[in-house]
Structures are given as C-alpha cells and as structure tokens.
C-alpha cells in the first residue's frame, strides 16, 4: 500500500481524499492476513519511502515509560520492535507471517539485539502468552484494521486484555478514513531500487464502503538486466472511527485515556492525519 499507508499500512496515509463510486462489491471472504507473506520482500523498501520513521520515536517514548516487557502486535520485519529495543527495553514481537518474521530475526541478529527481543509466530486473536505478562501492548500503523470481521477484533481485544498487566497500557494507531480514499486502477505509485534491481509498485484501490473495507491490489515489478518479474498480492483493511474503536475498547474492559492526532501528543480531531488511542485496563492505574 503506498503513502499519501504511514501503513502499514505497511498501511498508508493519503493527503488527498475524494469521493468515488463504490465499484465492484468486495468478497466477504477477504482475510486481513492474506498477502503479508508476499509483501515481506518489499515491506521495508516501501515503508522507507512512505511511513519512514516518523512514528518510531512515539513508540520509543511509550516503551521507555513502561514498567516491564513490551509486546508489539503484527510486528512484521521489526520496523518498530527493534528501535524500541535499542533503547534498552525488553520487547516481544508477534506476527502471523513467517516471511516477515524471518526478516525481523535477521535484522535482530545484525543489530545484536537477541538478548532483548523475542519474535514469536502467532495469531493476535489468540495470543500465545501467559496472562498479565506485558506492561505495554503496541498496535502500530493500522494493524487492528487487518481484522476485517467484528468477531476477530473482539477476540483480539479480549486477548490483549488477558496478557496486559494491571495498570498496563494499550496503544493503537489507526490509519484514518481509508474508505474515503479514491478508487483507482493500475496506478504507478512508487519506483526505486532494491538489492540491485529496479522496482516499481503498480497499485489499485477497491472500496466496499458499506462494510468500510478497503483492498489494495499490489503489483510489484522487478527488473534486473533483461529479467522482469511480477509479484501480485492484495492487502485488506477495515476502518473504524475513533468513537467506534473507543466503544469497543470499553466493552472489552479498557479505559480510553487519550485520543491523539499526531505523534507528538497533540489532541485528536476528525481531520487529523493520525488517529491514536491510548487505553489502560479498567480498574488499573492510569
């Protein structure tokens, strides 16, 4: 997904939002975890041009304030996990994609961070950790939006509540208003080099605004000498507003302590380019 994801997504944020026809109806069988193994080879390359590192300092500050181990949901290649760990924080990253985790582990070894970082393959709907193990759970750049079914989001929030210690914090970064992005077909959105090859991203966006689901159809074209290859996959996201996510967090036993509109801690409003929620366990200390 290309920028205006900061995402994302891997996902992405786009500055220009326009109304568009809904186009073809999307299949109810689209799964948010599909496509991420295929995306792994291009994830860091794309994020270097879109998300870059503008959210990393925010997560580093949250990690530094945590009084115990930190968990990142959907850690991917370690884009956030590893910088947080470099500040001396013990971090666990969990992801469903074996290809993403292989790259994360290689980066961990190169950075000599094995003593502080664990990478675990797992499903965020059923986290494979003991209860009350983490003092901070991070959900960066739209990871919860890959849960395209309501029951999957409910299961994930319940699982986070179980593994979060009393008084612990849950940070969520949402990609704003994906359903308002324009639909388009086969647009070349990024180009550059990767590992000595020329790379370009040709992207299409489809919308099912009734379900608030957005699908990015990705076609990466790599050229090395006379050899050309295409890599095709799709990434699916579901958008909830800040009030909608707040209600779901409260039903799951969280208290929402703040809604932020940027990574410096500014207040949220509907037009903000960043939608962040900071929550804690209801009944725990803030």
C-alpha atoms as a PDB file:
ATOM      1  CA  UNK A   1       0.000   0.000   0.000  1.00  0.00           C
ATOM      2  CA  UNK A   2       1.621   3.289  -0.854  1.00  0.00           C
ATOM      3  CA  UNK A   3       1.567   6.587   1.037  1.00  0.00           C
ATOM      4  CA  UNK A   4      -0.367   9.885   0.553  1.00  0.00           C
ATOM      5  CA  UNK A   5      -0.159   3.515   4.433  1.00  0.00           C
ATOM      6  CA  UNK A   6       2.355   5.717   7.055  1.00  0.00           C
ATOM      7  CA  UNK A   7       0.921   1.804   6.916  1.00  0.00           C
ATOM      8  CA  UNK A   8       1.198  -0.006   7.019  1.00  0.00           C
ATOM      9  CA  UNK A   9      -0.365   0.445   6.410  1.00  0.00           C
ATOM     10  CA  UNK A  10       2.710  -1.194   5.900  1.00  0.00           C
ATOM     11  CA  UNK A  11      -0.545   0.731   5.781  1.00  0.00           C
ATOM     12  CA  UNK A  12      -0.530   4.209   4.054  1.00  0.00           C
ATOM     13  CA  UNK A  13      -1.943   7.648   4.545  1.00  0.00           C
ATOM     14  CA  UNK A  14      -3.021   9.763   1.639  1.00  0.00           C
ATOM     15  CA  UNK A  15      -3.298  13.522   1.781  1.00  0.00           C
ATOM     16  CA  UNK A  16      -5.905  13.693  -0.981  1.00  0.00           C
ATOM     17  CA  UNK A  17      -9.295  12.197  -0.229  1.00  0.00           C
ATOM     18  CA  UNK A  18     -12.097  12.237  -2.753  1.00  0.00           C
ATOM     19  CA  UNK A  19     -15.471  10.696  -3.265  1.00  0.00           C
ATOM     20  CA  UNK A  20     -15.584   7.807  -5.704  1.00  0.00           C
ATOM     21  CA  UNK A  21     -18.068   5.241  -6.873  1.00  0.00           C
ATOM     22  CA  UNK A  22     -18.010   2.059  -4.892  1.00  0.00           C
ATOM     23  CA  UNK A  23     -17.027  -0.033  -7.892  1.00  0.00           C
ATOM     24  CA  UNK A  24     -17.283  -3.785  -7.671  1.00  0.00           C
ATOM     25  CA  UNK A  25     -18.576  -5.365  -4.479  1.00  0.00           C
ATOM     26  CA  UNK A  26     -15.798  -6.992  -2.494  1.00  0.00           C
ATOM     27  CA  UNK A  27     -15.880 -10.577  -1.396  1.00  0.00           C
ATOM     28  CA  UNK A  28     -16.804 -11.285   2.210  1.00  0.00           C
ATOM     29  CA  UNK A  29     -14.013 -13.887   2.154  1.00  0.00           C
ATOM     30  CA  UNK A  30     -11.187 -11.321   2.024  1.00  0.00           C
ATOM     31  CA  UNK A  31      -8.957 -12.008   5.034  1.00  0.00           C
ATOM     32  CA  UNK A  32      -6.783  -9.291   6.504  1.00  0.00           C
ATOM     33  CA  UNK A  33      -3.825 -11.627   6.978  1.00  0.00           C
ATOM     34  CA  UNK A  34      -3.703 -12.628   3.309  1.00  0.00           C
ATOM     35  CA  UNK A  35      -0.879 -11.109   1.274  1.00  0.00           C
ATOM     36  CA  UNK A  36       1.588 -10.347   4.028  1.00  0.00           C
ATOM     37  CA  UNK A  37       3.985 -13.220   3.269  1.00  0.00           C
ATOM     38  CA  UNK A  38       4.202 -11.931  -0.315  1.00  0.00           C
ATOM     39  CA  UNK A  39       4.612  -8.368   0.933  1.00  0.00           C
ATOM     40  CA  UNK A  40       7.607  -9.217   3.159  1.00  0.00           C
ATOM     41  CA  UNK A  41      10.228  -8.800   0.419  1.00  0.00           C
ATOM     42  CA  UNK A  42       9.021  -5.238  -0.282  1.00  0.00           C
ATOM     43  CA  UNK A  43       7.785  -4.067   3.135  1.00  0.00           C
ATOM     44  CA  UNK A  44      10.899  -2.248   4.321  1.00  0.00           C
ATOM     45  CA  UNK A  45      11.565  -0.770   0.876  1.00  0.00           C
ATOM     46  CA  UNK A  46       8.078   0.715   0.671  1.00  0.00           C
ATOM     47  CA  UNK A  47       7.973   1.971   4.235  1.00  0.00           C
ATOM     48  CA  UNK A  48      11.306   3.731   3.774  1.00  0.00           C
ATOM     49  CA  UNK A  49       9.555   5.867   1.146  1.00  0.00           C
ATOM     50  CA  UNK A  50       6.187   6.289   2.881  1.00  0.00           C
ATOM     51  CA  UNK A  51       5.958   5.703   6.628  1.00  0.00           C
ATOM     52  CA  UNK A  52       9.691   6.169   7.100  1.00  0.00           C
ATOM     53  CA  UNK A  53      10.377   6.537  10.849  1.00  0.00           C
ATOM     54  CA  UNK A  54       8.019   9.295  11.894  1.00  0.00           C
ATOM     55  CA  UNK A  55       6.071   7.120  14.341  1.00  0.00           C
ATOM     56  CA  UNK A  56       9.076   5.294  15.817  1.00  0.00           C
ATOM     57  CA  UNK A  57      10.014   7.953  18.396  1.00  0.00           C
ATOM     58  CA  UNK A  58       6.418   7.910  19.676  1.00  0.00           C
ATOM     59  CA  UNK A  59       6.576   4.158  20.358  1.00  0.00           C
ATOM     60  CA  UNK A  60      10.043   4.535  21.868  1.00  0.00           C
ATOM     61  CA  UNK A  61       8.660   7.047  24.363  1.00  0.00           C
ATOM     62  CA  UNK A  62       5.806   4.731  25.309  1.00  0.00           C
ATOM     63  CA  UNK A  63       8.246   1.841  25.685  1.00  0.00           C
ATOM     64  CA  UNK A  64      10.553   3.885  27.920  1.00  0.00           C
ATOM     65  CA  UNK A  65       7.606   4.682  30.217  1.00  0.00           C
ATOM     66  CA  UNK A  66       6.561   1.035  30.519  1.00  0.00           C
ATOM     67  CA  UNK A  67       7.477  -0.791  33.718  1.00  0.00           C
ATOM     68  CA  UNK A  68       8.035  -4.211  32.231  1.00  0.00           C
ATOM     69  CA  UNK A  69       8.111  -6.141  28.985  1.00  0.00           C
ATOM     70  CA  UNK A  70       6.519  -4.689  25.842  1.00  0.00           C
ATOM     71  CA  UNK A  71       4.508  -6.560  23.190  1.00  0.00           C
ATOM     72  CA  UNK A  72       4.054  -5.436  19.585  1.00  0.00           C
ATOM     73  CA  UNK A  73       1.109  -6.837  17.615  1.00  0.00           C
ATOM     74  CA  UNK A  74       1.792  -7.505  13.941  1.00  0.00           C
ATOM     75  CA  UNK A  75       5.487  -6.696  14.277  1.00  0.00           C
ATOM     76  CA  UNK A  76       6.307  -7.514  10.655  1.00  0.00           C
ATOM     77  CA  UNK A  77      10.013  -7.066   9.923  1.00  0.00           C
ATOM     78  CA  UNK A  78      10.672  -5.336  13.258  1.00  0.00           C
ATOM     79  CA  UNK A  79      10.291  -1.767  11.968  1.00  0.00           C
ATOM     80  CA  UNK A  80       9.070  -0.610  15.405  1.00  0.00           C
ATOM     81  CA  UNK A  81      10.147  -3.513  17.629  1.00  0.00           C
ATOM     82  CA  UNK A  82      13.877  -3.153  17.052  1.00  0.00           C
ATOM     83  CA  UNK A  83      14.179   0.641  17.594  1.00  0.00           C
ATOM     84  CA  UNK A  84      12.207   0.271  20.848  1.00  0.00           C
ATOM     85  CA  UNK A  85      14.592  -2.477  21.951  1.00  0.00           C
ATOM     86  CA  UNK A  86      17.640  -0.347  21.108  1.00  0.00           C
ATOM     87  CA  UNK A  87      16.586   1.944  23.955  1.00  0.00           C
ATOM     88  CA  UNK A  88      17.161  -0.909  26.401  1.00  0.00           C
ATOM     89  CA  UNK A  89      13.545  -2.172  26.505  1.00  0.00           C
ATOM     90  CA  UNK A  90      12.673  -5.886  26.528  1.00  0.00           C
ATOM     91  CA  UNK A  91      10.272  -6.408  23.604  1.00  0.00           C
ATOM     92  CA  UNK A  92       8.328  -9.314  22.134  1.00  0.00           C
ATOM     93  CA  UNK A  93       7.010  -9.067  18.594  1.00  0.00           C
ATOM     94  CA  UNK A  94       4.232 -11.357  17.374  1.00  0.00           C
ATOM     95  CA  UNK A  95       3.202 -11.852  13.763  1.00  0.00           C
ATOM     96  CA  UNK A  96       1.382 -14.454  11.687  1.00  0.00           C
ATOM     97  CA  UNK A  97       3.723 -14.135   8.692  1.00  0.00           C
ATOM     98  CA  UNK A  98       6.728 -16.460   8.708  1.00  0.00           C
ATOM     99  CA  UNK A  99       8.322 -14.450   5.890  1.00  0.00           C
ATOM    100  CA  UNK A 100       8.056 -11.194   7.826  1.00  0.00           C
ATOM    101  CA  UNK A 101       9.479 -12.803  10.958  1.00  0.00           C
ATOM    102  CA  UNK A 102      12.425 -14.298   9.074  1.00  0.00           C
ATOM    103  CA  UNK A 103      13.453 -10.796   8.036  1.00  0.00           C
ATOM    104  CA  UNK A 104      12.862  -9.447  11.544  1.00  0.00           C
ATOM    105  CA  UNK A 105      15.093 -12.128  13.071  1.00  0.00           C
ATOM    106  CA  UNK A 106      17.861 -11.445  10.557  1.00  0.00           C
ATOM    107  CA  UNK A 107      17.760  -7.732  11.425  1.00  0.00           C
ATOM    108  CA  UNK A 108      17.783  -8.587  15.148  1.00  0.00           C
ATOM    109  CA  UNK A 109      20.948 -10.665  14.700  1.00  0.00           C
ATOM    110  CA  UNK A 110      22.655  -7.953  12.688  1.00  0.00           C
ATOM    111  CA  UNK A 111      21.758  -5.436  15.390  1.00  0.00           C
ATOM    112  CA  UNK A 112      22.917  -7.746  18.221  1.00  0.00           C
ATOM    113  CA  UNK A 113      19.582  -7.409  19.987  1.00  0.00           C
ATOM    114  CA  UNK A 114      18.843 -11.067  20.700  1.00  0.00           C
ATOM    115  CA  UNK A 115      19.106 -10.546  24.451  1.00  0.00           C
ATOM    116  CA  UNK A 116      16.246  -8.036  24.457  1.00  0.00           C
ATOM    117  CA  UNK A 117      13.976  -9.087  21.563  1.00  0.00           C
ATOM    118  CA  UNK A 118      11.844 -12.179  21.032  1.00  0.00           C
ATOM    119  CA  UNK A 119       9.950 -12.762  17.806  1.00  0.00           C
ATOM    120  CA  UNK A 120       7.046 -15.204  18.004  1.00  0.00           C
ATOM    121  CA  UNK A 121       4.847 -16.529  15.231  1.00  0.00           C
ATOM    122  CA  UNK A 122       1.261 -16.376  16.437  1.00  0.00           C
ATOM    123  CA  UNK A 123      -2.300 -15.202  15.904  1.00  0.00           C
ATOM    124  CA  UNK A 124      -3.148 -11.904  17.616  1.00  0.00           C
ATOM    125  CA  UNK A 125      -6.701 -13.155  18.158  1.00  0.00           C
ATOM    126  CA  UNK A 126      -5.334 -15.857  20.480  1.00  0.00           C
ATOM    127  CA  UNK A 127      -2.054 -14.513  21.832  1.00  0.00           C
ATOM    128  CA  UNK A 128       0.323 -17.329  22.868  1.00  0.00           C
ATOM    129  CA  UNK A 129       1.450 -15.708  26.122  1.00  0.00           C
ATOM    130  CA  UNK A 130       0.612 -16.077  29.787  1.00  0.00           C
ATOM    131  CA  UNK A 131      -1.796 -13.700  31.496  1.00  0.00           C
ATOM    132  CA  UNK A 132      -0.602 -10.267  32.691  1.00  0.00           C
ATOM    133  CA  UNK A 133       2.798 -10.715  31.028  1.00  0.00           C
ATOM    134  CA  UNK A 134       3.179  -7.272  29.410  1.00  0.00           C
ATOM    135  CA  UNK A 135       3.113  -3.721  30.707  1.00  0.00           C
ATOM    136  CA  UNK A 136       2.596  -2.192  27.256  1.00  0.00           C
ATOM    137  CA  UNK A 137       0.938  -3.603  24.133  1.00  0.00           C
ATOM    138  CA  UNK A 138       1.607  -1.685  20.922  1.00  0.00           C
ATOM    139  CA  UNK A 139      -0.631  -1.883  17.837  1.00  0.00           C
ATOM    140  CA  UNK A 140       1.175   0.391  15.349  1.00  0.00           C
ATOM    141  CA  UNK A 141       0.086   1.679  11.976  1.00  0.00           C
ATOM    142  CA  UNK A 142      -3.256   0.072  11.289  1.00  0.00           C
ATOM    143  CA  UNK A 143      -2.578  -3.493  12.437  1.00  0.00           C
ATOM    144  CA  UNK A 144      -6.023  -3.756  14.064  1.00  0.00           C
ATOM    145  CA  UNK A 145      -7.555  -2.723  10.732  1.00  0.00           C
ATOM    146  CA  UNK A 146      -6.409  -6.000   9.220  1.00  0.00           C
ATOM    147  CA  UNK A 147      -9.113  -7.606  11.395  1.00  0.00           C
ATOM    148  CA  UNK A 148     -11.913  -7.333   8.859  1.00  0.00           C
ATOM    149  CA  UNK A 149     -14.526  -9.229  10.892  1.00  0.00           C
ATOM    150  CA  UNK A 150     -16.048  -7.872  14.076  1.00  0.00           C
ATOM    151  CA  UNK A 151     -15.612 -11.165  15.910  1.00  0.00           C
ATOM    152  CA  UNK A 152     -11.875 -11.136  15.113  1.00  0.00           C
ATOM    153  CA  UNK A 153     -11.460  -7.646  16.563  1.00  0.00           C
ATOM    154  CA  UNK A 154     -13.414  -8.644  19.681  1.00  0.00           C
ATOM    155  CA  UNK A 155     -11.236 -11.736  20.127  1.00  0.00           C
ATOM    156  CA  UNK A 156      -8.062  -9.678  19.748  1.00  0.00           C
ATOM    157  CA  UNK A 157      -9.134  -7.048  22.276  1.00  0.00           C
ATOM    158  CA  UNK A 158     -10.026  -9.801  24.756  1.00  0.00           C
ATOM    159  CA  UNK A 159      -6.657 -11.465  24.166  1.00  0.00           C
ATOM    160  CA  UNK A 160      -4.801  -8.185  24.723  1.00  0.00           C
ATOM    161  CA  UNK A 161      -6.757  -7.574  27.922  1.00  0.00           C
ATOM    162  CA  UNK A 162      -5.694 -11.002  29.181  1.00  0.00           C
ATOM    163  CA  UNK A 163      -1.946 -10.563  28.547  1.00  0.00           C
ATOM    164  CA  UNK A 164      -1.790  -6.944  29.749  1.00  0.00           C
ATOM    165  CA  UNK A 165      -0.730  -6.452  33.346  1.00  0.00           C
ATOM    166  CA  UNK A 166      -2.815  -4.414  35.803  1.00  0.00           C
ATOM    167  CA  UNK A 167      -2.181  -0.750  35.110  1.00  0.00           C
ATOM    168  CA  UNK A 168      -0.683  -1.587  31.723  1.00  0.00           C
ATOM    169  CA  UNK A 169      -1.200   0.494  28.595  1.00  0.00           C
ATOM    170  CA  UNK A 170      -2.555  -0.393  25.159  1.00  0.00           C
ATOM    171  CA  UNK A 171      -1.534   1.912  22.295  1.00  0.00           C
ATOM    172  CA  UNK A 172      -3.390   1.792  18.949  1.00  0.00           C
ATOM    173  CA  UNK A 173      -2.519   3.654  15.754  1.00  0.00           C
ATOM    174  CA  UNK A 174      -5.322   3.724  13.146  1.00  0.00           C
ATOM    175  CA  UNK A 175      -4.970   4.754   9.510  1.00  0.00           C
ATOM    176  CA  UNK A 176      -7.633   7.457   9.087  1.00  0.00           C
ATOM    177  CA  UNK A 177     -10.629   7.123   6.812  1.00  0.00           C
ATOM    178  CA  UNK A 178      -9.449   4.546   4.307  1.00  0.00           C
ATOM    179  CA  UNK A 179     -12.996   4.315   2.859  1.00  0.00           C
ATOM    180  CA  UNK A 180     -12.666   7.957   1.747  1.00  0.00           C
ATOM    181  CA  UNK A 181      -9.652   7.243  -0.423  1.00  0.00           C
ATOM    182  CA  UNK A 182     -10.353   7.381  -4.136  1.00  0.00           C
ATOM    183  CA  UNK A 183     -10.643   4.154  -6.065  1.00  0.00           C
ATOM    184  CA  UNK A 184      -8.224   3.830  -8.970  1.00  0.00           C
ATOM    185  CA  UNK A 185      -6.789   1.177 -11.256  1.00  0.00           C
ATOM    186  CA  UNK A 186      -3.178   0.267 -12.054  1.00  0.00           C
ATOM    187  CA  UNK A 187      -1.520   3.459 -10.865  1.00  0.00           C
ATOM    188  CA  UNK A 188       2.278   3.502 -10.626  1.00  0.00           C
ATOM    189  CA  UNK A 189       2.785   4.883  -7.131  1.00  0.00           C
ATOM    190  CA  UNK A 190       6.417   4.120  -6.235  1.00  0.00           C
ATOM    191  CA  UNK A 191       9.673   3.358  -8.031  1.00  0.00           C
ATOM    192  CA  UNK A 192      13.280   2.854  -7.000  1.00  0.00           C
ATOM    193  CA  UNK A 193      15.962   0.235  -6.477  1.00  0.00           C
ATOM    194  CA  UNK A 194      16.055  -2.785  -4.201  1.00  0.00           C
ATOM    195  CA  UNK A 195      19.008  -5.136  -3.932  1.00  0.00           C
ATOM    196  CA  UNK A 196      20.392  -4.022  -7.272  1.00  0.00           C
ATOM    197  CA  UNK A 197      17.065  -4.411  -9.090  1.00  0.00           C
ATOM    198  CA  UNK A 198      14.760  -1.713 -10.389  1.00  0.00           C
ATOM    199  CA  UNK A 199      11.419  -1.897  -8.585  1.00  0.00           C
ATOM    200  CA  UNK A 200       8.082  -0.256  -9.251  1.00  0.00           C
ATOM    201  CA  UNK A 201       4.737  -0.579  -7.491  1.00  0.00           C
ATOM    202  CA  UNK A 202       1.579  -0.543  -9.585  1.00  0.00           C
ATOM    203  CA  UNK A 203      -1.407  -0.289  -7.270  1.00  0.00           C
ATOM    204  CA  UNK A 204      -5.196  -0.439  -7.486  1.00  0.00           C
ATOM    205  CA  UNK A 205      -7.646   0.505  -4.726  1.00  0.00           C
ATOM    206  CA  UNK A 206     -11.101  -1.050  -4.361  1.00  0.00           C
ATOM    207  CA  UNK A 207     -13.722   0.000  -1.837  1.00  0.00           C
ATOM    208  CA  UNK A 208     -16.694  -1.641  -0.166  1.00  0.00           C
ATOM    209  CA  UNK A 209     -17.941   1.408   1.694  1.00  0.00           C
ATOM    210  CA  UNK A 210     -20.930  -0.426   3.113  1.00  0.00           C
ATOM    211  CA  UNK A 211     -18.585  -2.708   5.054  1.00  0.00           C
ATOM    212  CA  UNK A 212     -15.900   0.027   5.398  1.00  0.00           C
ATOM    213  CA  UNK A 213     -13.415  -2.351   3.797  1.00  0.00           C
ATOM    214  CA  UNK A 214     -10.575  -1.220   1.528  1.00  0.00           C
ATOM    215  CA  UNK A 215      -8.484  -3.541  -0.633  1.00  0.00           C
ATOM    216  CA  UNK A 216      -5.106  -2.569  -2.082  1.00  0.00           C
ATOM    217  CA  UNK A 217      -4.204  -4.741  -5.073  1.00  0.00           C
ATOM    218  CA  UNK A 218      -0.417  -4.630  -5.293  1.00  0.00           C
ATOM    219  CA  UNK A 219       1.724  -5.457  -8.312  1.00  0.00           C
ATOM    220  CA  UNK A 220       5.453  -5.161  -7.729  1.00  0.00           C
ATOM    221  CA  UNK A 221       7.548  -5.296 -10.888  1.00  0.00           C
ATOM    222  CA  UNK A 222      11.256  -6.053 -10.515  1.00  0.00           C
ATOM    223  CA  UNK A 223      13.772  -5.713 -13.339  1.00  0.00           C
ATOM    224  CA  UNK A 224      17.326  -6.989 -13.198  1.00  0.00           C
ATOM    225  CA  UNK A 225      19.119  -6.840 -16.527  1.00  0.00           C
ATOM    226  CA  UNK A 226      16.769  -8.384 -19.080  1.00  0.00           C
ATOM    227  CA  UNK A 227      14.822 -10.345 -16.477  1.00  0.00           C
ATOM    228  CA  UNK A 228      11.443  -8.994 -15.348  1.00  0.00           C
ATOM    229  CA  UNK A 229       9.246 -10.479 -12.629  1.00  0.00           C
ATOM    230  CA  UNK A 230       5.842  -9.558 -11.266  1.00  0.00           C
ATOM    231  CA  UNK A 231       4.689 -10.174  -7.695  1.00  0.00           C
ATOM    232  CA  UNK A 232       0.930  -9.815  -7.132  1.00  0.00           C
ATOM    233  CA  UNK A 233      -0.998  -9.806  -3.867  1.00  0.00           C
ATOM    234  CA  UNK A 234      -3.757  -7.888  -2.090  1.00  0.00           C
ATOM    235  CA  UNK A 235      -3.959  -6.271   1.352  1.00  0.00           C
ATOM    236  CA  UNK A 236      -7.335  -5.772   3.047  1.00  0.00           C
ATOM    237  CA  UNK A 237      -8.253  -3.277   5.786  1.00  0.00           C
ATOM    238  CA  UNK A 238     -11.374  -2.331   7.693  1.00  0.00           C
ATOM    239  CA  UNK A 239     -11.776   1.177   9.096  1.00  0.00           C
ATOM    240  CA  UNK A 240     -13.442   2.108  12.382  1.00  0.00           C
ATOM    241  CA  UNK A 241     -13.705   5.677  13.604  1.00  0.00           C
ATOM    242  CA  UNK A 242     -12.120   6.771  16.872  1.00  0.00           C
ATOM    243  CA  UNK A 243     -15.530   6.800  18.655  1.00  0.00           C
ATOM    244  CA  UNK A 244     -16.335   3.331  17.280  1.00  0.00           C
ATOM    245  CA  UNK A 245     -12.997   1.914  18.433  1.00  0.00           C
ATOM    246  CA  UNK A 246     -13.397   3.633  21.801  1.00  0.00           C
ATOM    247  CA  UNK A 247     -16.714   1.870  22.399  1.00  0.00           C
ATOM    248  CA  UNK A 248     -15.214  -1.490  21.506  1.00  0.00           C
ATOM    249  CA  UNK A 249     -12.280  -0.943  23.845  1.00  0.00           C
ATOM    250  CA  UNK A 250     -14.615  -0.027  26.692  1.00  0.00           C
ATOM    251  CA  UNK A 251     -16.727  -3.141  26.121  1.00  0.00           C
ATOM    252  CA  UNK A 252     -13.508  -5.196  26.266  1.00  0.00           C
ATOM    253  CA  UNK A 253     -12.657  -3.797  29.712  1.00  0.00           C
ATOM    254  CA  UNK A 254     -10.344  -0.918  28.783  1.00  0.00           C
ATOM    255  CA  UNK A 255     -10.479   2.722  29.778  1.00  0.00           C
ATOM    256  CA  UNK A 256      -9.527   5.137  26.973  1.00  0.00           C
ATOM    257  CA  UNK A 257      -7.187   7.693  28.497  1.00  0.00           C
ATOM    258  CA  UNK A 258      -6.339   9.775  25.424  1.00  0.00           C
ATOM    259  CA  UNK A 259      -7.045  10.241  21.724  1.00  0.00           C
ATOM    260  CA  UNK A 260      -4.131  11.849  19.870  1.00  0.00           C
ATOM    261  CA  UNK A 261      -3.950  13.494  16.462  1.00  0.00           C
ATOM    262  CA  UNK A 262      -0.186  13.379  15.927  1.00  0.00           C
ATOM    263  CA  UNK A 263       2.914  11.578  17.168  1.00  0.00           C
ATOM    264  CA  UNK A 264       3.917  14.493  19.409  1.00  0.00           C
ATOM    265  CA  UNK A 265       0.854  14.098  21.621  1.00  0.00           C
ATOM    266  CA  UNK A 266      -1.422  16.715  20.082  1.00  0.00           C
ATOM    267  CA  UNK A 267      -5.193  16.291  20.509  1.00  0.00           C
ATOM    268  CA  UNK A 268      -7.272  14.297  18.050  1.00  0.00           C
ATOM    269  CA  UNK A 269      -9.999  15.653  15.846  1.00  0.00           C
ATOM    270  CA  UNK A 270     -11.832  14.210  12.869  1.00  0.00           C
ATOM    271  CA  UNK A 271      -9.487  15.861  10.362  1.00  0.00           C
ATOM    272  CA  UNK A 272      -6.236  14.652  11.974  1.00  0.00           C
ATOM    273  CA  UNK A 273      -3.773  12.716   9.813  1.00  0.00           C
ATOM    274  CA  UNK A 274      -3.021  10.408  12.744  1.00  0.00           C
ATOM    275  CA  UNK A 275      -5.576   8.589  14.901  1.00  0.00           C
ATOM    276  CA  UNK A 276      -4.035   7.213  18.107  1.00  0.00           C
ATOM    277  CA  UNK A 277      -5.821   5.791  21.131  1.00  0.00           C
ATOM    278  CA  UNK A 278      -4.106   5.190  24.471  1.00  0.00           C
ATOM    279  CA  UNK A 279      -6.041   2.853  26.767  1.00  0.00           C
ATOM    280  CA  UNK A 280      -5.479   1.074  30.037  1.00  0.00           C
ATOM    281  CA  UNK A 281      -7.196  -1.745  31.861  1.00  0.00           C
ATOM    282  CA  UNK A 282     -10.326  -0.525  33.589  1.00  0.00           C
ATOM    283  CA  UNK A 283      -9.707  -0.683  37.327  1.00  0.00           C
ATOM    284  CA  UNK A 284      -5.923  -0.361  36.960  1.00  0.00           C
ATOM    285  CA  UNK A 285      -3.878   2.766  37.489  1.00  0.00           C
ATOM    286  CA  UNK A 286      -3.718   5.145  34.520  1.00  0.00           C
END
